Amino acid sequence: MKTLLVTTDFSANAKHAAEYGYKLAKQIKANMVLCNAVIVPAEMPQAGTVVWPMDDLELLLGDSTIGLECLKSELEKAANTNGFIPEITIKNEPGILTDVVESYAESQSVDLVVMGTHGEGMSSFLLGNHCKNMIANTTRPLMLISPDTQFVPLKKIAFATDFADPENDIQSLFHLIPLAKILGAEILLTHVYDGEELTAELKKTISDFMTHVSNKANYPHIYYRSVRNSKVEAGLSWLCEHGQVDMLVMVHRPHSFVYRLLKSSHSEKMAGRITIPLLVFPAVK
């Protein structure tokens, strides 16, 4: 893993996520990009046909650059100078956050995007929220950091699956393994099920999945544990709280516009309720 891109809007929560991202970059020996998307009123729906003056845009970009340089300086000054020192670069552009991040990720090598959540529980996931948009649209693994997330060594990573798309999950798992190797972490495959016991069909699916992983992954520290609960989010929350889990990993599967309008995905809901890092993999299209 070579480069982490950390988004910021200069809020306290975003600064906390940047501090986490820097410590993680130092641990895994990766460089870091601090990214700010400058949203101008002319790009907002309520702005209609208003033309935003170029001079004012340059002023906004200038303020953004100053803010990024200040944050970069704060991270470097607060860091432990022992060991690897990540190189920090800055990036800002006018536009919507998802567009700015994707544009940069397409032109540069970005392995992981890090951003902070709002820390307001489910109320933070309103339509148009930056976190929800990033979960739905990112093409890179996305790590979400809540204001309550403390930086600790990631030694146990839970990978949640419903086994609805095993091949997709296996591809995401294989992308996770290199990070787990760097961290020296074990991976706990977990599945939340409802009912008295697993069905025979599901047991076979799990057995085939684990056999495939064992034969192809070349990583011995992968285990499986099922969690019985009628609600996926409740089951995963219980596991995170009582299973000594340091990070939760989920694959975000795309839904229709109507579904996104009326409901939140499991990954979006989990982002609003856990305090450990949530790593979201985009589904392979």
C-alpha atoms as a PDB file:
ATOM      1  CA  MET A   1       0.000   0.000   0.000  1.00  0.00           C
ATOM      2  CA  LYS A   2       1.602   3.241  -1.150  1.00  0.00           C
ATOM      3  CA  THR A   3      -0.840   6.174  -0.868  1.00  0.00           C
ATOM      4  CA  LEU A   4      -3.712   7.166   1.423  1.00  0.00           C
ATOM      5  CA  LEU A   5      -6.009   9.997   0.372  1.00  0.00           C
ATOM      6  CA  VAL A   6      -7.560  11.750   3.368  1.00  0.00           C
ATOM      7  CA  THR A   7     -10.485  14.084   2.747  1.00  0.00           C
ATOM      8  CA  THR A   8     -11.041  17.129   4.928  1.00  0.00           C
ATOM      9  CA  ASP A   9     -13.510  19.989   5.271  1.00  0.00           C
ATOM     10  CA  PHE A  10     -11.420  21.459   8.130  1.00  0.00           C
ATOM     11  CA  SER A  11     -13.995  20.470  10.768  1.00  0.00           C
ATOM     12  CA  ALA A  12     -12.947  18.936  14.087  1.00  0.00           C
ATOM     13  CA  ASN A  13     -14.164  15.510  12.951  1.00  0.00           C
ATOM     14  CA  ALA A  14     -12.223  15.751   9.702  1.00  0.00           C
ATOM     15  CA  LYS A  15      -9.077  16.784  11.573  1.00  0.00           C
ATOM     16  CA  HIS A  16      -9.490  13.773  13.854  1.00  0.00           C
ATOM     17  CA  ALA A  17      -9.750  11.515  10.786  1.00  0.00           C
ATOM     18  CA  ALA A  18      -6.632  13.145   9.289  1.00  0.00           C
ATOM     19  CA  GLU A  19      -4.701  12.468  12.490  1.00  0.00           C
ATOM     20  CA  TYR A  20      -5.841   8.846  12.362  1.00  0.00           C
ATOM     21  CA  GLY A  21      -4.916   8.612   8.687  1.00  0.00           C
ATOM     22  CA  TYR A  22      -1.438   9.976   9.323  1.00  0.00           C
ATOM     23  CA  LYS A  23      -0.773   7.472  12.114  1.00  0.00           C
ATOM     24  CA  LEU A  24      -2.017   4.653   9.877  1.00  0.00           C
ATOM     25  CA  ALA A  25       0.164   5.869   6.988  1.00  0.00           C
ATOM     26  CA  LYS A  26       3.145   5.895   9.313  1.00  0.00           C
ATOM     27  CA  GLN A  27       2.389   2.373  10.513  1.00  0.00           C
ATOM     28  CA  ILE A  28       1.974   0.846   7.051  1.00  0.00           C
ATOM     29  CA  LYS A  29       4.683   3.023   5.453  1.00  0.00           C
ATOM     30  CA  ALA A  30       2.451   4.844   2.993  1.00  0.00           C
ATOM     31  CA  ASN A  31       2.426   8.429   1.817  1.00  0.00           C
ATOM     32  CA  MET A  32      -0.581  10.673   2.290  1.00  0.00           C
ATOM     33  CA  VAL A  33      -2.632  13.165   0.279  1.00  0.00           C
ATOM     34  CA  LEU A  34      -4.755  15.768   2.093  1.00  0.00           C
ATOM     35  CA  CYS A  35      -7.724  16.587  -0.141  1.00  0.00           C
ATOM     36  CA  ASN A  36     -10.320  19.352   0.079  1.00  0.00           C
ATOM     37  CA  ALA A  37     -13.190  19.821  -2.369  1.00  0.00           C
ATOM     38  CA  VAL A  38     -14.126  23.494  -2.715  1.00  0.00           C
ATOM     39  CA  ILE A  39     -17.891  23.611  -3.286  1.00  0.00           C
ATOM     40  CA  VAL A  40     -18.951  26.852  -4.928  1.00  0.00           C
ATOM     41  CA  PRO A  41     -22.567  28.096  -4.827  1.00  0.00           C
ATOM     42  CA  ALA A  42     -22.921  27.975  -8.601  1.00  0.00           C
ATOM     43  CA  GLU A  43     -22.616  24.179  -8.420  1.00  0.00           C
ATOM     44  CA  MET A  44     -25.374  23.802  -5.856  1.00  0.00           C
ATOM     45  CA  PRO A  45     -28.946  23.039  -7.047  1.00  0.00           C
ATOM     46  CA  GLN A  46     -30.431  26.037  -5.282  1.00  0.00           C
ATOM     47  CA  ALA A  47     -27.985  28.361  -7.000  1.00  0.00           C
ATOM     48  CA  GLY A  48     -29.842  28.049 -10.290  1.00  0.00           C
ATOM     49  CA  THR A  49     -28.029  29.828 -13.092  1.00  0.00           C
ATOM     50  CA  VAL A  50     -25.952  32.116 -10.899  1.00  0.00           C
ATOM     51  CA  VAL A  51     -22.438  32.510 -12.281  1.00  0.00           C
ATOM     52  CA  TRP A  52     -19.776  32.400  -9.574  1.00  0.00           C
ATOM     53  CA  PRO A  53     -17.104  35.079 -10.182  1.00  0.00           C
ATOM     54  CA  MET A  54     -13.691  33.639 -11.040  1.00  0.00           C
ATOM     55  CA  ASP A  55     -11.932  35.997  -8.628  1.00  0.00           C
ATOM     56  CA  ASP A  56     -14.024  34.679  -5.746  1.00  0.00           C
ATOM     57  CA  LEU A  57     -13.324  31.104  -6.802  1.00  0.00           C
ATOM     58  CA  GLU A  58      -9.598  31.798  -6.726  1.00  0.00           C
ATOM     59  CA  LEU A  59     -10.045  33.286  -3.254  1.00  0.00           C
ATOM     60  CA  LEU A  60     -11.824  30.140  -2.049  1.00  0.00           C
ATOM     61  CA  LEU A  61      -9.101  27.933  -3.511  1.00  0.00           C
ATOM     62  CA  GLY A  62      -6.458  30.109  -1.879  1.00  0.00           C
ATOM     63  CA  ASP A  63      -8.139  29.780   1.516  1.00  0.00           C
ATOM     64  CA  SER A  64      -8.362  26.021   0.982  1.00  0.00           C
ATOM     65  CA  THR A  65      -4.652  25.805   0.196  1.00  0.00           C
ATOM     66  CA  ILE A  66      -3.783  27.728   3.355  1.00  0.00           C
ATOM     67  CA  GLY A  67      -5.998  25.435   5.410  1.00  0.00           C
ATOM     68  CA  LEU A  68      -4.420  22.308   3.904  1.00  0.00           C
ATOM     69  CA  GLU A  69      -0.893  23.590   4.493  1.00  0.00           C
ATOM     70  CA  CYS A  70      -1.752  24.395   8.120  1.00  0.00           C
ATOM     71  CA  LEU A  71      -3.230  20.928   8.665  1.00  0.00           C
ATOM     72  CA  LYS A  72      -0.189  19.333   7.035  1.00  0.00           C
ATOM     73  CA  SER A  73       2.098  21.297   9.343  1.00  0.00           C
ATOM     74  CA  GLU A  74       0.088  20.298  12.428  1.00  0.00           C
ATOM     75  CA  LEU A  75       0.226  16.613  11.522  1.00  0.00           C
ATOM     76  CA  GLU A  76       3.964  16.700  10.907  1.00  0.00           C
ATOM     77  CA  LYS A  77       4.699  18.583  14.135  1.00  0.00           C
ATOM     78  CA  ALA A  78       2.588  16.262  16.278  1.00  0.00           C
ATOM     79  CA  ALA A  79       4.009  13.066  14.779  1.00  0.00           C
ATOM     80  CA  ASN A  80       6.532  10.779  16.396  1.00  0.00           C
ATOM     81  CA  THR A  81       9.741  11.241  14.404  1.00  0.00           C
ATOM     82  CA  ASN A  82      10.866   7.645  14.956  1.00  0.00           C
ATOM     83  CA  GLY A  83      10.480   5.205  12.096  1.00  0.00           C
ATOM     84  CA  PHE A  84       8.861   5.918   8.738  1.00  0.00           C
ATOM     85  CA  ILE A  85       7.819   9.509   8.033  1.00  0.00           C
ATOM     86  CA  PRO A  86       4.968   9.767   5.475  1.00  0.00           C
ATOM     87  CA  GLU A  87       5.278  12.364   2.768  1.00  0.00           C
ATOM     88  CA  ILE A  88       2.213  14.637   2.777  1.00  0.00           C
ATOM     89  CA  THR A  89       0.988  16.377  -0.354  1.00  0.00           C
ATOM     90  CA  ILE A  90      -2.099  18.551  -0.714  1.00  0.00           C
ATOM     91  CA  LYS A  91      -4.849  18.581  -3.322  1.00  0.00           C
ATOM     92  CA  ASN A  92      -7.819  20.892  -3.757  1.00  0.00           C
ATOM     93  CA  GLU A  93     -10.226  21.464  -6.619  1.00  0.00           C
ATOM     94  CA  PRO A  94     -13.637  23.065  -7.068  1.00  0.00           C
ATOM     95  CA  GLY A  95     -16.439  20.523  -7.251  1.00  0.00           C
ATOM     96  CA  ILE A  96     -18.348  17.837  -5.429  1.00  0.00           C
ATOM     97  CA  LEU A  97     -16.249  15.707  -3.069  1.00  0.00           C
ATOM     98  CA  THR A  98     -16.922  12.404  -4.835  1.00  0.00           C
ATOM     99  CA  ASP A  99     -15.949  13.903  -8.203  1.00  0.00           C
ATOM    100  CA  VAL A 100     -12.761  15.479  -6.862  1.00  0.00           C
ATOM    101  CA  VAL A 101     -11.676  12.269  -5.147  1.00  0.00           C
ATOM    102  CA  GLU A 102     -12.452  10.056  -8.146  1.00  0.00           C
ATOM    103  CA  SER A 103     -10.708  12.418 -10.559  1.00  0.00           C
ATOM    104  CA  TYR A 104      -7.554  12.344  -8.474  1.00  0.00           C
ATOM    105  CA  ALA A 105      -7.738   8.583  -7.910  1.00  0.00           C
ATOM    106  CA  GLU A 106      -7.995   7.989 -11.668  1.00  0.00           C
ATOM    107  CA  SER A 107      -4.918  10.068 -12.449  1.00  0.00           C
ATOM    108  CA  GLN A 108      -2.817   9.020  -9.449  1.00  0.00           C
ATOM    109  CA  SER A 109      -2.237   5.820  -7.517  1.00  0.00           C
ATOM    110  CA  VAL A 110      -4.598   5.875  -4.517  1.00  0.00           C
ATOM    111  CA  ASP A 111      -4.928   2.691  -2.476  1.00  0.00           C
ATOM    112  CA  LEU A 112      -7.239   3.882   0.293  1.00  0.00           C
ATOM    113  CA  VAL A 113      -9.513   6.879   0.955  1.00  0.00           C
ATOM    114  CA  VAL A 114      -9.958   8.003   4.579  1.00  0.00           C
ATOM    115  CA  MET A 115     -12.672  10.356   5.801  1.00  0.00           C
ATOM    116  CA  GLY A 116     -14.396  11.275   9.045  1.00  0.00           C
ATOM    117  CA  THR A 117     -18.054  10.749   9.869  1.00  0.00           C
ATOM    118  CA  HIS A 118     -20.220  13.370  11.515  1.00  0.00           C
ATOM    119  CA  GLY A 119     -20.691  11.504  14.768  1.00  0.00           C
ATOM    120  CA  GLU A 120     -24.407  12.224  15.016  1.00  0.00           C
ATOM    121  CA  GLY A 121     -25.657   8.672  14.673  1.00  0.00           C
ATOM    122  CA  MET A 122     -28.159   7.883  11.988  1.00  0.00           C
ATOM    123  CA  SER A 123     -29.211  11.524  11.714  1.00  0.00           C
ATOM    124  CA  SER A 124     -25.931  12.233   9.954  1.00  0.00           C
ATOM    125  CA  PHE A 125     -26.931  10.079   6.986  1.00  0.00           C
ATOM    126  CA  LEU A 126     -29.382  12.376   5.281  1.00  0.00           C
ATOM    127  CA  LEU A 127     -29.726  12.481   1.519  1.00  0.00           C
ATOM    128  CA  GLY A 128     -26.806  14.412   0.070  1.00  0.00           C
ATOM    129  CA  ASN A 129     -24.501  13.712   3.013  1.00  0.00           C
ATOM    130  CA  HIS A 130     -20.852  13.489   1.952  1.00  0.00           C
ATOM    131  CA  CYS A 131     -20.272  10.170   3.744  1.00  0.00           C
ATOM    132  CA  LYS A 132     -23.292   8.531   2.141  1.00  0.00           C
ATOM    133  CA  ASN A 133     -22.291   9.792  -1.295  1.00  0.00           C
ATOM    134  CA  MET A 134     -18.745   8.544  -0.867  1.00  0.00           C
ATOM    135  CA  ILE A 135     -19.935   5.103   0.228  1.00  0.00           C
ATOM    136  CA  ALA A 136     -22.241   4.889  -2.780  1.00  0.00           C
ATOM    137  CA  ASN A 137     -19.817   6.212  -5.397  1.00  0.00           C
ATOM    138  CA  THR A 138     -16.210   5.530  -4.477  1.00  0.00           C
ATOM    139  CA  THR A 139     -14.234   3.099  -6.612  1.00  0.00           C
ATOM    140  CA  ARG A 140     -11.501   2.807  -3.979  1.00  0.00           C
ATOM    141  CA  PRO A 141     -11.616   1.209  -0.524  1.00  0.00           C
ATOM    142  CA  LEU A 142     -13.041   3.803   1.876  1.00  0.00           C
ATOM    143  CA  MET A 143     -12.134   3.945   5.574  1.00  0.00           C
ATOM    144  CA  LEU A 144     -14.597   5.849   7.750  1.00  0.00           C
ATOM    145  CA  ILE A 145     -13.424   7.239  11.075  1.00  0.00           C
ATOM    146  CA  SER A 146     -15.887   8.384  13.721  1.00  0.00           C
ATOM    147  CA  PRO A 147     -15.031  11.148  16.223  1.00  0.00           C
ATOM    148  CA  ASP A 148     -14.810   8.441  18.908  1.00  0.00           C
ATOM    149  CA  THR A 149     -12.351   6.239  17.002  1.00  0.00           C
ATOM    150  CA  GLN A 150      -9.066   5.815  18.850  1.00  0.00           C
ATOM    151  CA  PHE A 151      -5.917   4.769  17.026  1.00  0.00           C
ATOM    152  CA  VAL A 152      -4.891   1.295  18.150  1.00  0.00           C
ATOM    153  CA  PRO A 153      -2.952  -1.436  16.342  1.00  0.00           C
ATOM    154  CA  LEU A 154      -5.328  -3.253  13.999  1.00  0.00           C
ATOM    155  CA  LYS A 155      -4.824  -6.852  15.031  1.00  0.00           C
ATOM    156  CA  LYS A 156      -8.291  -8.318  14.413  1.00  0.00           C
ATOM    157  CA  ILE A 157     -10.285  -7.376  11.319  1.00  0.00           C
ATOM    158  CA  ALA A 158     -13.869  -8.577  10.894  1.00  0.00           C
ATOM    159  CA  PHE A 159     -14.992  -9.054   7.288  1.00  0.00           C
ATOM    160  CA  ALA A 160     -18.796  -9.143   7.143  1.00  0.00           C
ATOM    161  CA  THR A 161     -20.546 -11.070   4.393  1.00  0.00           C
ATOM    162  CA  ASP A 162     -24.045 -12.343   3.663  1.00  0.00           C
ATOM    163  CA  PHE A 163     -22.709 -14.838   1.092  1.00  0.00           C
ATOM    164  CA  ALA A 164     -25.136 -13.401  -1.468  1.00  0.00           C
ATOM    165  CA  ASP A 165     -22.252 -12.801  -3.899  1.00  0.00           C
ATOM    166  CA  PRO A 166     -19.344 -15.029  -2.819  1.00  0.00           C
ATOM    167  CA  GLU A 167     -17.153 -14.300  -5.838  1.00  0.00           C
ATOM    168  CA  ASN A 168     -17.370 -10.563  -5.249  1.00  0.00           C
ATOM    169  CA  ASP A 169     -16.631 -11.012  -1.549  1.00  0.00           C
ATOM    170  CA  ILE A 170     -13.615 -13.191  -2.325  1.00  0.00           C
ATOM    171  CA  GLN A 171     -12.175 -10.517  -4.621  1.00  0.00           C
ATOM    172  CA  SER A 172     -12.601  -7.893  -1.888  1.00  0.00           C
ATOM    173  CA  LEU A 173     -11.091 -10.259   0.667  1.00  0.00           C
ATOM    174  CA  PHE A 174      -8.053 -10.771  -1.543  1.00  0.00           C
ATOM    175  CA  HIS A 175      -7.639  -6.972  -1.700  1.00  0.00           C
ATOM    176  CA  LEU A 176      -7.802  -6.849   2.104  1.00  0.00           C
ATOM    177  CA  ILE A 177      -5.187  -9.529   2.723  1.00  0.00           C
ATOM    178  CA  PRO A 178      -2.133  -7.411   1.725  1.00  0.00           C
ATOM    179  CA  LEU A 179      -3.159  -4.780   4.299  1.00  0.00           C
ATOM    180  CA  ALA A 180      -3.718  -7.488   6.931  1.00  0.00           C
ATOM    181  CA  LYS A 181      -0.238  -8.860   6.204  1.00  0.00           C
ATOM    182  CA  ILE A 182       1.361  -5.440   6.703  1.00  0.00           C
ATOM    183  CA  LEU A 183      -0.539  -4.981   9.968  1.00  0.00           C
ATOM    184  CA  GLY A 184       0.050  -8.535  11.161  1.00  0.00           C
ATOM    185  CA  ALA A 185      -3.704  -8.861  11.680  1.00  0.00           C
ATOM    186  CA  GLU A 186      -6.017 -11.842  11.601  1.00  0.00           C
ATOM    187  CA  ILE A 187      -9.183 -11.725   9.498  1.00  0.00           C
ATOM    188  CA  LEU A 188     -12.455 -12.942  10.988  1.00  0.00           C
ATOM    189  CA  LEU A 189     -15.047 -13.754   8.342  1.00  0.00           C
ATOM    190  CA  THR A 190     -18.442 -13.185   9.912  1.00  0.00           C
ATOM    191  CA  HIS A 191     -22.048 -13.719   8.927  1.00  0.00           C
ATOM    192  CA  VAL A 192     -25.179 -12.573  10.764  1.00  0.00           C
ATOM    193  CA  TYR A 193     -28.066 -15.002  10.422  1.00  0.00           C
ATOM    194  CA  ASP A 194     -31.628 -15.178  11.705  1.00  0.00           C
ATOM    195  CA  GLY A 195     -33.185 -18.444  12.809  1.00  0.00           C
ATOM    196  CA  GLU A 196     -32.435 -21.438  15.003  1.00  0.00           C
ATOM    197  CA  GLU A 197     -29.526 -22.658  12.904  1.00  0.00           C
ATOM    198  CA  LEU A 198     -27.793 -22.289   9.551  1.00  0.00           C
ATOM    199  CA  THR A 199     -29.499 -24.012   6.641  1.00  0.00           C
ATOM    200  CA  ALA A 200     -27.793 -26.920   4.900  1.00  0.00           C
ATOM    201  CA  GLU A 201     -27.477 -24.826   1.741  1.00  0.00           C
ATOM    202  CA  LEU A 202     -25.805 -21.972   3.604  1.00  0.00           C
ATOM    203  CA  LYS A 203     -23.471 -24.371   5.399  1.00  0.00           C
ATOM    204  CA  LYS A 204     -22.310 -25.692   2.039  1.00  0.00           C
ATOM    205  CA  THR A 205     -21.842 -22.152   0.705  1.00  0.00           C
ATOM    206  CA  ILE A 206     -19.720 -21.273   3.740  1.00  0.00           C
ATOM    207  CA  SER A 207     -17.691 -24.478   3.432  1.00  0.00           C
ATOM    208  CA  ASP A 208     -17.033 -23.862  -0.279  1.00  0.00           C
ATOM    209  CA  PHE A 209     -16.127 -20.234   0.454  1.00  0.00           C
ATOM    210  CA  MET A 210     -13.629 -21.132   3.168  1.00  0.00           C
ATOM    211  CA  THR A 211     -12.103 -23.910   1.049  1.00  0.00           C
ATOM    212  CA  HIS A 212     -11.601 -21.516  -1.852  1.00  0.00           C
ATOM    213  CA  VAL A 213     -10.053 -18.901   0.429  1.00  0.00           C
ATOM    214  CA  SER A 214      -7.777 -21.474   2.051  1.00  0.00           C
ATOM    215  CA  ASN A 215      -6.546 -22.704  -1.329  1.00  0.00           C
ATOM    216  CA  LYS A 216      -6.038 -19.292  -2.951  1.00  0.00           C
ATOM    217  CA  ALA A 217      -5.360 -16.704  -0.267  1.00  0.00           C
ATOM    218  CA  ASN A 218      -1.924 -17.844   0.935  1.00  0.00           C
ATOM    219  CA  TYR A 219      -2.710 -16.301   4.327  1.00  0.00           C
ATOM    220  CA  PRO A 220      -3.243 -18.667   7.270  1.00  0.00           C
ATOM    221  CA  HIS A 221      -4.776 -16.154   9.673  1.00  0.00           C
ATOM    222  CA  ILE A 222      -8.342 -16.255   8.333  1.00  0.00           C
ATOM    223  CA  TYR A 223     -11.138 -17.643  10.478  1.00  0.00           C
ATOM    224  CA  TYR A 224     -14.932 -17.827  10.437  1.00  0.00           C
ATOM    225  CA  ARG A 225     -17.594 -17.020  13.023  1.00  0.00           C
ATOM    226  CA  SER A 226     -21.359 -16.734  12.619  1.00  0.00           C
ATOM    227  CA  VAL A 227     -23.486 -14.399  14.729  1.00  0.00           C
ATOM    228  CA  ARG A 228     -27.144 -15.111  15.409  1.00  0.00           C
ATOM    229  CA  ASN A 229     -29.329 -12.002  15.376  1.00  0.00           C
ATOM    230  CA  SER A 230     -32.514 -10.934  13.614  1.00  0.00           C
ATOM    231  CA  LYS A 231     -30.915  -7.587  12.640  1.00  0.00           C
ATOM    232  CA  VAL A 232     -27.676  -7.388  10.669  1.00  0.00           C
ATOM    233  CA  GLU A 233     -26.571  -4.093  12.209  1.00  0.00           C
ATOM    234  CA  ALA A 234     -27.299  -5.262  15.756  1.00  0.00           C
ATOM    235  CA  GLY A 235     -25.365  -8.484  15.197  1.00  0.00           C
ATOM    236  CA  LEU A 236     -22.342  -6.709  13.755  1.00  0.00           C
ATOM    237  CA  SER A 237     -22.440  -4.077  16.512  1.00  0.00           C
ATOM    238  CA  TRP A 238     -22.435  -6.835  19.115  1.00  0.00           C
ATOM    239  CA  LEU A 239     -19.453  -8.478  17.442  1.00  0.00           C
ATOM    240  CA  CYS A 240     -17.533  -5.189  17.303  1.00  0.00           C
ATOM    241  CA  GLU A 241     -18.203  -4.525  20.982  1.00  0.00           C
ATOM    242  CA  HIS A 242     -17.641  -8.022  22.381  1.00  0.00           C
ATOM    243  CA  GLY A 243     -15.409  -9.782  19.861  1.00  0.00           C
ATOM    244  CA  GLN A 244     -12.214  -7.739  20.358  1.00  0.00           C
ATOM    245  CA  VAL A 245     -12.567  -6.473  16.783  1.00  0.00           C
ATOM    246  CA  ASP A 246     -10.357  -3.523  15.788  1.00  0.00           C
ATOM    247  CA  MET A 247     -11.862  -2.808  12.351  1.00  0.00           C
ATOM    248  CA  LEU A 248     -14.998  -3.847  10.466  1.00  0.00           C
ATOM    249  CA  VAL A 249     -14.914  -4.453   6.714  1.00  0.00           C
ATOM    250  CA  MET A 250     -18.003  -4.514   4.496  1.00  0.00           C
ATOM    251  CA  VAL A 251     -18.676  -4.636   0.751  1.00  0.00           C
ATOM    252  CA  HIS A 252     -21.121  -1.970  -0.410  1.00  0.00           C
ATOM    253  CA  ARG A 253     -23.459  -3.292  -3.060  1.00  0.00           C
ATOM    254  CA  PRO A 254     -25.141  -0.823  -5.421  1.00  0.00           C
ATOM    255  CA  HIS A 255     -28.893  -0.271  -5.137  1.00  0.00           C
ATOM    256  CA  SER A 256     -31.475   1.459  -7.286  1.00  0.00           C
ATOM    257  CA  PHE A 257     -32.053   5.200  -6.946  1.00  0.00           C
ATOM    258  CA  VAL A 258     -35.444   4.614  -5.287  1.00  0.00           C
ATOM    259  CA  TYR A 259     -33.877   2.264  -2.718  1.00  0.00           C
ATOM    260  CA  ARG A 260     -31.138   4.795  -1.946  1.00  0.00           C
ATOM    261  CA  LEU A 261     -33.749   7.518  -1.617  1.00  0.00           C
ATOM    262  CA  LEU A 262     -35.858   5.611   0.896  1.00  0.00           C
ATOM    263  CA  LYS A 263     -33.355   3.417   2.718  1.00  0.00           C
ATOM    264  CA  SER A 264     -29.741   3.195   3.810  1.00  0.00           C
ATOM    265  CA  SER A 265     -27.466   0.249   3.049  1.00  0.00           C
ATOM    266  CA  HIS A 266     -26.010  -1.925   5.799  1.00  0.00           C
ATOM    267  CA  SER A 267     -22.618  -0.228   5.387  1.00  0.00           C
ATOM    268  CA  GLU A 268     -24.190   3.239   5.673  1.00  0.00           C
ATOM    269  CA  LYS A 269     -26.056   2.212   8.814  1.00  0.00           C
ATOM    270  CA  MET A 270     -22.961   0.695  10.397  1.00  0.00           C
ATOM    271  CA  ALA A 271     -20.983   3.868   9.694  1.00  0.00           C
ATOM    272  CA  GLY A 272     -23.398   5.715  11.943  1.00  0.00           C
ATOM    273  CA  ARG A 273     -23.212   3.374  14.924  1.00  0.00           C
ATOM    274  CA  ILE A 274     -19.713   1.934  15.507  1.00  0.00           C
ATOM    275  CA  THR A 275     -16.640   3.627  16.940  1.00  0.00           C
ATOM    276  CA  ILE A 276     -13.997   1.406  15.356  1.00  0.00           C
ATOM    277  CA  PRO A 277     -12.862   2.093  11.779  1.00  0.00           C
ATOM    278  CA  LEU A 278     -15.225   0.896   9.042  1.00  0.00           C
ATOM    279  CA  LEU A 279     -13.534  -0.098   5.794  1.00  0.00           C
ATOM    280  CA  VAL A 280     -15.954  -0.191   2.863  1.00  0.00           C
ATOM    281  CA  PHE A 281     -15.019  -1.981  -0.364  1.00  0.00           C
ATOM    282  CA  PRO A 282     -16.940  -1.043  -3.513  1.00  0.00           C
ATOM    283  CA  ALA A 283     -18.611  -3.986  -5.193  1.00  0.00           C
ATOM    284  CA  VAL A 284     -16.850  -5.148  -8.343  1.00  0.00           C
ATOM    285  CA  LYS A 285     -18.945  -4.114 -11.330  1.00  0.00           C
END
